[in-house]
N, C-alpha and C. Protein backbone atom coordinates (compact mmCIF):
# COMPACT_ATOMS: atom_id res chain seq x y z
N MET A 1 226.30 182.55 96.11
CA MET A 1 225.92 181.87 95.13
C MET A 1 224.84 182.62 94.45
N PRO A 2 224.55 183.34 93.25
CA PRO A 2 223.34 183.46 93.04
C PRO A 2 222.56 182.20 92.49
N ASP A 3 221.26 182.16 92.60
CA ASP A 3 220.71 181.23 92.57
C ASP A 3 221.29 180.65 91.06
N LEU A 4 221.02 179.25 90.80
CA LEU A 4 221.13 178.68 89.45
C LEU A 4 220.11 178.81 88.27
N PRO A 5 219.74 178.47 87.07
CA PRO A 5 218.55 178.12 86.64
C PRO A 5 218.36 176.94 86.84
N TYR A 6 217.14 176.12 86.24
CA TYR A 6 217.25 174.51 86.48
C TYR A 6 216.68 174.05 85.09
N PRO A 7 217.15 173.06 84.77
CA PRO A 7 217.80 172.41 85.64
C PRO A 7 220.00 172.37 85.51
N HIS A 8 220.25 171.94 86.80
CA HIS A 8 221.72 172.44 86.85
C HIS A 8 222.17 171.17 87.62
N HIS A 9 223.82 170.55 87.28
CA HIS A 9 224.43 169.92 88.07
C HIS A 9 225.49 170.18 88.72
N ARG A 10 225.80 169.16 90.16
CA ARG A 10 227.06 169.51 90.72
C ARG A 10 227.22 168.55 90.78
N LEU A 11 229.06 168.34 90.46
CA LEU A 11 229.68 167.55 89.90
C LEU A 11 230.77 167.35 91.10
N GLN A 12 230.78 166.54 91.98
CA GLN A 12 231.76 166.59 93.12
C GLN A 12 233.03 165.55 92.76
N ALA A 13 234.50 165.87 92.63
CA ALA A 13 235.31 164.93 92.41
C ALA A 13 236.49 165.03 93.95
N ASP A 14 236.41 164.12 94.45
CA ASP A 14 237.61 164.25 95.58
C ASP A 14 238.59 162.80 95.40
N GLY A 15 239.93 163.57 95.72
CA GLY A 15 240.72 162.44 95.79
C GLY A 15 240.90 161.89 97.61
N PRO A 16 242.37 161.22 97.59
CA PRO A 16 242.69 160.23 98.41
C PRO A 16 242.42 161.06 99.77
N ASP A 17 243.39 162.40 99.79
CA ASP A 17 243.70 163.13 100.77
C ASP A 17 242.16 164.32 101.09
N GLU A 18 240.89 164.02 100.78
CA GLU A 18 239.82 164.44 100.69
C GLU A 18 239.79 165.79 99.71
N THR A 19 240.77 166.08 98.98
CA THR A 19 240.43 167.40 98.20
C THR A 19 240.13 167.13 96.82
N GLY A 20 239.48 168.19 96.24
CA GLY A 20 239.16 167.84 95.00
C GLY A 20 238.46 169.24 94.18
N PHE A 21 237.56 168.89 93.67
CA PHE A 21 236.78 169.81 92.49
C PHE A 21 235.73 169.95 92.85
N ALA A 22 234.58 170.58 93.01
CA ALA A 22 232.95 170.69 93.02
C ALA A 22 232.72 172.05 91.50
N LEU A 23 232.06 170.80 90.78
CA LEU A 23 231.72 172.03 89.35
C LEU A 23 230.15 172.19 89.62
N VAL A 24 229.48 173.19 89.35
CA VAL A 24 228.49 173.82 89.36
C VAL A 24 227.87 174.05 88.23
N VAL A 25 227.34 173.21 87.38
CA VAL A 25 227.36 173.12 85.57
C VAL A 25 225.96 173.49 85.47
N HIS A 26 225.48 174.60 84.80
CA HIS A 26 224.57 174.90 83.90
C HIS A 26 224.59 174.47 82.38
N ILE A 27 224.02 173.44 81.69
CA ILE A 27 224.33 173.09 79.93
C ILE A 27 223.21 173.48 79.21
N GLU A 28 222.63 174.62 78.59
CA GLU A 28 221.92 174.73 78.13
C GLU A 28 222.22 174.83 76.20
N GLU A 29 221.45 174.24 75.86
CA GLU A 29 221.31 173.62 74.50
C GLU A 29 220.90 175.20 73.20
N GLY A 30 221.55 175.21 72.22
CA GLY A 30 221.45 176.17 71.20
C GLY A 30 220.07 175.91 70.87
N GLY A 31 219.63 176.98 70.18
CA GLY A 31 218.24 176.77 69.88
C GLY A 31 217.89 175.57 68.39
N GLY A 32 219.07 175.42 67.82
CA GLY A 32 219.10 174.18 67.27
C GLY A 32 219.48 172.31 67.67
N GLY A 33 219.72 172.75 68.45
CA GLY A 33 219.96 171.70 69.45
C GLY A 33 221.50 171.43 70.12
N PRO A 34 221.54 170.22 70.76
CA PRO A 34 222.89 170.54 71.04
C PRO A 34 224.18 170.65 69.95
N LEU A 35 225.66 170.30 69.97
CA LEU A 35 226.37 170.03 69.07
C LEU A 35 226.62 168.87 68.86
N ALA A 36 226.63 168.31 67.51
CA ALA A 36 226.58 167.25 66.84
C ALA A 36 227.43 166.10 67.37
N GLY A 37 226.73 164.74 67.45
CA GLY A 37 227.42 164.02 68.37
C GLY A 37 227.58 163.91 69.80
N MET A 38 227.12 165.49 70.53
CA MET A 38 227.10 165.33 72.01
C MET A 38 225.82 165.41 72.68
N THR A 39 225.52 165.27 73.81
CA THR A 39 224.17 165.26 74.20
C THR A 39 224.51 166.11 76.06
N THR A 40 223.84 166.63 76.52
CA THR A 40 224.09 166.91 77.79
C THR A 40 224.56 165.55 78.53
N GLN A 41 224.42 164.60 78.50
CA GLN A 41 224.88 163.43 79.57
C GLN A 41 226.57 163.00 78.91
N SER A 42 226.61 163.21 77.66
CA SER A 42 228.07 162.99 77.13
C SER A 42 228.95 163.92 77.63
N VAL A 43 228.46 165.26 77.49
CA VAL A 43 229.25 166.55 78.29
C VAL A 43 229.60 166.10 79.41
N LEU A 44 229.07 165.80 80.32
CA LEU A 44 228.78 165.51 81.76
C LEU A 44 229.82 164.06 82.14
N ASP A 45 229.17 163.08 81.47
CA ASP A 45 230.23 162.19 81.34
C ASP A 45 231.45 162.71 80.98
N HIS A 46 231.99 163.02 80.18
CA HIS A 46 233.27 163.30 79.38
C HIS A 46 234.09 164.03 80.82
N LEU A 47 233.37 165.30 81.75
CA LEU A 47 233.90 166.08 83.03
C LEU A 47 234.29 165.20 83.83
N ARG A 48 233.62 164.16 84.09
CA ARG A 48 233.44 163.20 84.93
C ARG A 48 234.69 162.18 84.92
N ALA A 49 235.09 162.12 83.62
CA ALA A 49 235.92 160.89 83.65
C ALA A 49 237.35 161.70 83.20
N HIS A 50 237.49 162.76 83.12
CA HIS A 50 238.57 163.75 82.63
C HIS A 50 238.93 163.94 84.40
N LEU A 51 237.87 164.13 85.43
CA LEU A 51 238.11 164.64 86.78
C LEU A 51 238.72 163.35 87.49
N ALA A 52 238.34 162.01 87.09
CA ALA A 52 238.80 161.08 87.84
C ALA A 52 240.16 160.65 87.11
N GLY A 53 240.55 161.06 86.06
CA GLY A 53 241.78 160.56 85.29
C GLY A 53 242.11 159.31 85.69
N ASP A 54 243.39 159.11 85.81
CA ASP A 54 243.70 157.77 85.62
C ASP A 54 243.91 156.87 86.95
N ASP A 55 243.48 157.63 87.99
CA ASP A 55 243.68 157.58 89.25
C ASP A 55 242.57 156.59 89.73
N ASP A 56 242.55 155.43 90.45
CA ASP A 56 241.60 154.62 90.78
C ASP A 56 241.03 155.56 92.32
N ALA A 57 242.02 156.44 93.08
CA ALA A 57 241.44 156.42 94.79
C ALA A 57 240.82 157.84 94.54
N VAL A 58 240.27 158.60 92.97
CA VAL A 58 239.56 159.74 93.00
C VAL A 58 238.03 158.96 92.73
N THR A 59 237.02 159.94 93.31
CA THR A 59 235.99 159.06 93.61
C THR A 59 235.30 160.37 92.92
N THR A 60 233.34 160.63 92.37
CA THR A 60 233.09 161.55 91.25
C THR A 60 231.84 161.01 91.94
N SER A 61 231.21 162.27 92.02
CA SER A 61 229.23 161.90 92.12
C SER A 61 228.79 163.24 91.42
N LEU A 62 227.72 162.46 90.76
CA LEU A 62 227.02 163.78 90.21
C LEU A 62 225.07 163.99 90.51
N THR A 63 225.10 164.89 90.31
CA THR A 63 223.65 165.46 91.59
C THR A 63 223.18 166.04 90.44
N ARG A 64 221.86 166.04 89.92
CA ARG A 64 220.89 166.73 89.36
C ARG A 64 220.00 167.68 89.99
N TYR A 65 220.06 168.86 89.99
CA TYR A 65 218.93 169.43 90.63
C TYR A 65 217.91 170.00 89.75
N GLU A 66 216.66 169.90 89.72
CA GLU A 66 215.53 170.16 88.74
C GLU A 66 214.14 170.53 89.44
N VAL A 67 213.09 171.15 88.83
CA VAL A 67 212.01 171.69 89.23
C VAL A 67 211.39 170.77 88.75
N THR A 68 210.71 170.52 89.08
CA THR A 68 209.16 169.76 88.71
C THR A 68 207.73 170.03 89.32
N THR A 69 206.89 169.76 88.34
CA THR A 69 205.24 170.33 89.25
C THR A 69 204.42 169.43 88.78
N THR A 70 203.74 169.14 89.44
CA THR A 70 202.32 168.02 89.74
C THR A 70 201.41 168.76 89.55
N ASP A 71 200.10 168.40 89.14
CA ASP A 71 198.73 169.31 88.98
C ASP A 71 198.16 167.96 90.09
N THR A 72 197.62 168.89 90.82
CA THR A 72 196.79 168.12 91.85
C THR A 72 194.76 168.42 91.54
N PRO A 73 194.48 167.61 91.31
CA PRO A 73 192.93 167.56 90.99
C PRO A 73 192.03 168.43 92.11
């Protein structure tokens, strides 16, 4: 897979038989900002809830990948 721009997220949903989905998501807000009433986090929360569904045996994990820099004197 080619390198994704940062930040991006990996959302993993696993079922009771260790099968499921792994989504890699890069969310880029438009020039005027996100859609009304939505944030990056709310979109990720919705995807996470959708994948989990009503099954208590489904587990989800969300990982954020970002690059940070620090200045050292």
